[in-house]
Amino acid sequence: MPAAWLSRIADGINVSVAFATRIPLANVGLTSGADVVRASWALPIVGVLVGGLGALTYWTAHLLGLTAASCAALTLAATLAATGCLHEDGLADTADGFGAGASRERKLEIMHDSRIGAYGSCALIVSILLRWSAVASLGDALHVTAALIAAHVAARGTLPAFMRLVPRARRDGLSAGAGAPTRATASIAACLGLLALGLTLGTVPALVAVSLIGLAGVLMGWLCIRQIGGQTGDVLGALEQVCEILILLTASAQSRAAI
């Protein structure tokens, strides 16, 4: 029935927003790993919210007469605040674990530790610098808006497929007992990501971005299986960051080529 169908859609969006952002939702309580996996098709919609907030911040700073560099810095700050640095935390933990651990068990132990090390710190610095420089290089607020929506939507759209195709490394944590996303869930998320790329970047840049994030997914899958035997939530966060960077760099390159 349409009402039940719409209710399931709303529930999925609410769960994904509650999990992946700091946006307060009154009617969403604690969610299990299974809830998050079932709702993961809606992660690209979270990307619309986060990217839209970043774009609004850029427009506001631009209208106030700030430089492109300052606008880009404030934009990143807004998106970091919106997500609570969820994916940045995963990137840092993955870099620390893969870089400093000598064995699979030690790598997983380091990734589970909330403290940050040299590898994680450097990974965060590089991630922020690349995203900041890419956004700042776009200059035009309309181009920034398109790039942010594309990056945040498509980067999250890759995650359910990665969760489905790459085995889990841990038997505890959020993913324990949750299972993998269904084929339909992964397909919906991927299609939403592809749609965002096509509508915002255009055909050729979108194809370049798809090729890059596909390659990133394959390499990340190979690396995490080799390092720790599979994927974790931290690995998913790292993959989101890598894909976000690649899309923003693609948009930056497209903008410079058009000059």
Protein backbone atom coordinates (compact mmCIF):
# COMPACT_ATOMS: atom_id res chain seq x y z
CA MET A 1 0.00 0.00 0.00
CA PRO A 2 1.24 3.55 -0.75
CA ALA A 3 1.02 4.68 2.88
CA ALA A 4 3.08 1.73 4.14
CA TRP A 5 5.57 2.19 1.30
CA LEU A 6 6.00 5.88 2.08
CA SER A 7 6.36 5.07 5.76
CA ARG A 8 9.20 2.62 5.04
CA ILE A 9 10.94 5.23 2.91
CA ALA A 10 10.62 7.84 5.65
CA ASP A 11 11.88 5.39 8.26
CA GLY A 12 14.93 4.55 6.14
CA ILE A 13 15.78 8.19 5.65
CA ASN A 14 15.31 8.94 9.34
CA VAL A 15 17.57 6.07 10.40
CA SER A 16 20.31 7.07 7.95
CA VAL A 17 20.15 10.72 8.96
CA ALA A 18 20.22 9.83 12.66
CA PHE A 19 23.18 7.49 12.18
CA ALA A 20 25.32 9.52 9.77
CA THR A 21 24.74 13.08 11.01
CA ARG A 22 24.33 15.13 14.16
CA ILE A 23 20.97 16.43 12.97
CA PRO A 24 18.51 15.89 15.86
CA LEU A 25 15.42 13.86 15.00
CA ALA A 26 12.69 13.64 17.61
CA ASN A 27 11.11 10.35 16.54
CA VAL A 28 14.25 8.25 16.03
CA GLY A 29 15.68 6.31 18.95
CA LEU A 30 18.69 4.05 19.20
CA THR A 31 19.28 2.05 16.02
CA SER A 32 20.89 -1.36 15.65
CA GLY A 33 23.41 -2.39 13.04
CA ALA A 34 20.64 -4.24 11.21
CA ASP A 35 18.55 -1.06 11.09
CA VAL A 36 21.45 0.90 9.62
CA VAL A 37 22.17 -1.77 7.01
CA ARG A 38 18.52 -1.92 5.92
CA ALA A 39 18.42 1.88 5.68
CA SER A 40 21.76 2.24 3.91
CA TRP A 41 20.00 2.83 0.57
CA ALA A 42 19.22 6.30 1.98
CA LEU A 43 22.84 7.26 2.67
CA PRO A 44 23.00 9.25 -0.61
CA ILE A 45 20.03 11.28 0.65
CA VAL A 46 22.11 12.11 3.72
CA GLY A 47 24.70 13.30 1.22
CA VAL A 48 22.17 15.73 -0.24
CA LEU A 49 21.61 17.21 3.22
CA VAL A 50 25.30 17.46 4.08
CA GLY A 51 26.32 18.75 0.65
CA GLY A 52 23.41 21.19 0.68
CA LEU A 53 24.47 22.54 4.06
CA GLY A 54 28.01 22.98 2.76
CA ALA A 55 26.70 24.78 -0.32
CA LEU A 56 24.51 27.08 1.80
CA THR A 57 27.54 27.93 3.93
CA TYR A 58 29.61 28.70 0.83
CA TRP A 59 26.90 30.94 -0.63
CA THR A 60 26.55 32.82 2.67
CA ALA A 61 30.29 33.37 3.02
CA HIS A 62 30.51 34.37 -0.64
CA LEU A 63 27.75 36.96 -0.26
CA LEU A 64 29.59 38.37 2.75
CA GLY A 65 32.55 39.07 0.48
CA LEU A 66 34.97 36.47 1.86
CA THR A 67 37.71 35.01 -0.31
CA ALA A 68 37.27 31.65 -2.05
CA ALA A 69 39.78 30.11 0.35
CA SER A 70 37.84 31.31 3.41
CA CYS A 71 34.53 30.23 1.88
CA ALA A 72 35.94 26.76 1.24
CA ALA A 73 37.27 26.48 4.80
CA LEU A 74 33.92 27.44 6.30
CA THR A 75 32.16 25.02 3.96
CA LEU A 76 34.32 22.14 5.17
CA ALA A 77 33.76 23.17 8.77
CA ALA A 78 29.99 23.06 8.22
CA THR A 79 30.06 19.58 6.70
CA LEU A 80 32.36 18.31 9.46
CA ALA A 81 29.99 19.67 12.09
CA ALA A 82 26.98 18.15 10.34
CA THR A 83 28.45 14.62 10.34
CA GLY A 84 30.33 14.83 13.62
CA CYS A 85 33.47 13.89 11.67
CA LEU A 86 32.08 10.37 11.31
CA HIS A 87 33.94 9.50 8.11
CA GLU A 88 37.07 11.43 9.09
CA ASP A 89 37.26 9.29 12.21
CA GLY A 90 37.10 6.17 10.06
CA LEU A 91 39.84 7.47 7.78
CA ALA A 92 42.14 8.24 10.71
CA ASP A 93 41.54 4.88 12.40
CA THR A 94 42.10 2.99 9.14
CA ALA A 95 45.33 4.85 8.41
CA ASP A 96 46.62 4.22 11.92
CA GLY A 97 45.68 0.54 11.88
CA PHE A 98 46.99 -0.24 8.42
CA GLY A 99 50.11 1.85 8.93
CA ALA A 100 51.18 0.97 12.45
CA GLY A 101 49.87 -2.54 13.11
CA ALA A 102 52.14 -5.51 12.57
CA SER A 103 49.47 -8.22 12.64
CA ARG A 104 45.79 -8.45 11.79
CA GLU A 105 44.85 -8.52 15.45
CA ARG A 106 47.04 -5.53 16.26
CA LYS A 107 45.67 -3.57 13.30
CA LEU A 108 42.09 -4.17 14.48
CA GLU A 109 43.07 -3.25 18.03
CA ILE A 110 44.56 0.05 16.87
CA MET A 111 41.50 0.80 14.75
CA HIS A 112 39.26 0.19 17.75
CA ASP A 113 41.31 2.62 19.88
CA SER A 114 39.84 6.13 20.00
CA ARG A 115 43.26 7.76 20.14
CA ILE A 116 44.84 9.08 16.95
CA GLY A 117 48.40 8.43 15.81
CA ALA A 118 50.81 9.86 13.27
CA TYR A 119 49.36 7.99 10.29
CA GLY A 120 45.84 9.04 11.15
CA SER A 121 46.83 12.66 11.71
CA CYS A 122 48.62 12.85 8.38
CA ALA A 123 45.71 11.19 6.58
CA LEU A 124 43.29 13.77 8.00
CA ILE A 125 45.56 16.66 7.06
CA VAL A 126 45.88 15.41 3.48
CA SER A 127 42.12 14.78 3.22
CA ILE A 128 41.18 18.23 4.46
CA LEU A 129 43.80 19.99 2.33
CA LEU A 130 42.72 18.20 -0.84
CA ARG A 131 39.03 18.92 -0.27
CA TRP A 132 39.67 22.52 0.75
CA SER A 133 41.89 23.23 -2.25
CA ALA A 134 39.42 21.58 -4.65
CA VAL A 135 36.45 23.60 -3.35
CA ALA A 136 38.46 26.82 -3.27
CA SER A 137 39.60 26.31 -6.87
CA LEU A 138 36.02 26.16 -8.15
CA GLY A 139 35.40 29.78 -7.27
CA ASP A 140 31.87 30.07 -8.64
CA ALA A 141 29.21 29.28 -6.03
CA LEU A 142 27.08 27.36 -8.52
CA HIS A 143 30.00 25.09 -9.40
CA VAL A 144 30.72 24.60 -5.71
CA THR A 145 27.10 23.61 -5.07
CA ALA A 146 27.14 21.05 -7.89
CA ALA A 147 30.48 19.59 -6.79
CA LEU A 148 29.46 19.30 -3.13
CA ILE A 149 26.18 17.56 -3.95
CA ALA A 150 27.94 15.20 -6.35
CA ALA A 151 30.72 14.36 -3.89
CA HIS A 152 28.59 13.81 -0.80
CA VAL A 153 25.86 11.86 -2.57
CA ALA A 154 27.99 9.61 -4.78
CA ALA A 155 30.63 8.89 -2.12
CA ARG A 156 27.92 7.57 0.20
CA GLY A 157 26.24 5.76 -2.67
CA THR A 158 29.24 3.43 -2.97
CA LEU A 159 29.09 2.18 0.62
CA PRO A 160 26.22 -0.36 0.51
CA ALA A 161 27.72 -2.13 -2.51
CA PHE A 162 31.09 -2.26 -0.78
CA MET A 163 29.43 -3.67 2.36
CA ARG A 164 27.71 -6.30 0.24
CA LEU A 165 30.75 -7.36 -1.78
CA VAL A 166 33.51 -7.26 0.85
CA PRO A 167 33.28 -9.57 3.88
CA ARG A 168 33.27 -8.16 7.40
CA ALA A 169 36.54 -8.30 9.31
CA ARG A 170 35.06 -8.19 12.82
CA ARG A 171 32.65 -10.40 14.68
CA ASP A 172 31.78 -7.58 17.05
CA GLY A 173 30.84 -3.93 16.60
CA LEU A 174 28.02 -2.34 14.65
CA SER A 175 28.11 -4.77 11.74
CA ALA A 176 28.03 -7.93 13.88
CA GLY A 177 24.86 -9.86 13.18
CA ALA A 178 23.53 -7.12 10.92
CA GLY A 179 24.17 -8.94 7.67
CA ALA A 180 25.00 -7.34 4.35
CA PRO A 181 22.75 -4.95 2.44
CA THR A 182 20.44 -6.62 -0.04
CA ARG A 183 21.07 -6.31 -3.76
CA ALA A 184 18.14 -3.92 -4.01
CA THR A 185 19.51 -1.73 -1.22
CA ALA A 186 22.96 -1.52 -2.80
CA SER A 187 21.50 -0.91 -6.25
CA ILE A 188 19.26 1.95 -5.10
CA ALA A 189 22.16 3.67 -3.34
CA ALA A 190 24.44 3.24 -6.34
CA CYS A 191 21.80 4.54 -8.75
CA LEU A 192 21.20 7.61 -6.60
CA GLY A 193 24.94 8.27 -6.62
CA LEU A 194 25.15 7.87 -10.40
CA LEU A 195 22.15 10.14 -10.87
CA ALA A 196 23.76 12.85 -8.75
CA LEU A 197 27.00 12.65 -10.73
CA GLY A 198 25.22 12.84 -14.07
CA LEU A 199 22.99 15.75 -13.10
CA THR A 200 25.68 17.87 -11.44
CA LEU A 201 28.93 17.19 -13.31
CA GLY A 202 27.80 16.32 -16.82
CA THR A 203 28.39 13.17 -18.84
CA VAL A 204 32.16 13.10 -19.35
CA PRO A 205 33.21 14.25 -15.85
CA ALA A 206 30.64 11.87 -14.37
CA LEU A 207 32.15 8.95 -16.29
CA VAL A 208 35.61 9.96 -15.08
CA ALA A 209 34.36 10.17 -11.50
CA VAL A 210 32.63 6.78 -11.75
CA SER A 211 35.83 5.20 -13.07
CA LEU A 212 37.89 6.72 -10.27
CA ILE A 213 35.55 5.73 -7.44
CA GLY A 214 35.17 2.25 -8.95
CA LEU A 215 38.95 1.89 -8.95
CA ALA A 216 39.10 3.24 -5.40
CA GLY A 217 36.53 0.67 -4.29
CA VAL A 218 38.47 -2.21 -5.85
CA LEU A 219 41.77 -1.06 -4.34
CA MET A 220 40.22 -0.46 -0.93
CA GLY A 221 38.58 -3.88 -1.00
CA TRP A 222 41.86 -5.56 -1.90
CA LEU A 223 43.75 -3.58 0.74
CA CYS A 224 41.39 -4.20 3.64
CA ILE A 225 41.14 -7.92 2.88
CA ARG A 226 44.93 -8.11 2.74
CA GLN A 227 45.39 -6.06 5.91
CA ILE A 228 42.59 -7.22 8.23
CA GLY A 229 40.59 -9.83 6.34
CA GLY A 230 37.67 -7.61 5.36
CA GLN A 231 35.85 -4.35 5.90
CA THR A 232 34.85 -2.52 9.06
CA GLY A 233 32.96 0.69 9.76
CA ASP A 234 36.28 2.52 9.80
CA VAL A 235 37.14 1.20 6.34
CA LEU A 236 33.77 2.41 5.08
CA GLY A 237 34.53 5.86 6.46
CA ALA A 238 37.91 5.86 4.75
CA LEU A 239 36.34 4.82 1.44
CA GLU A 240 33.78 7.62 1.69
CA GLN A 241 36.58 10.13 2.21
CA VAL A 242 38.61 8.84 -0.73
CA CYS A 243 35.59 8.92 -3.05
CA GLU A 244 34.59 12.39 -1.88
CA ILE A 245 38.10 13.67 -2.60
CA LEU A 246 38.21 12.06 -6.05
CA ILE A 247 34.88 13.60 -7.07
CA LEU A 248 35.85 17.06 -5.83
CA LEU A 249 39.16 16.83 -7.68
CA THR A 250 37.33 15.77 -10.83
CA ALA A 251 35.04 18.79 -10.51
CA SER A 252 38.07 21.03 -9.94
CA ALA A 253 39.85 19.66 -13.01
CA GLN A 254 36.71 20.14 -15.10
CA SER A 255 36.41 23.74 -13.93
CA ARG A 256 40.02 24.54 -14.80
CA ALA A 257 39.74 22.87 -18.20
CA ALA A 258 36.77 25.10 -19.01
CA ILE A 259 38.75 28.29 -18.39
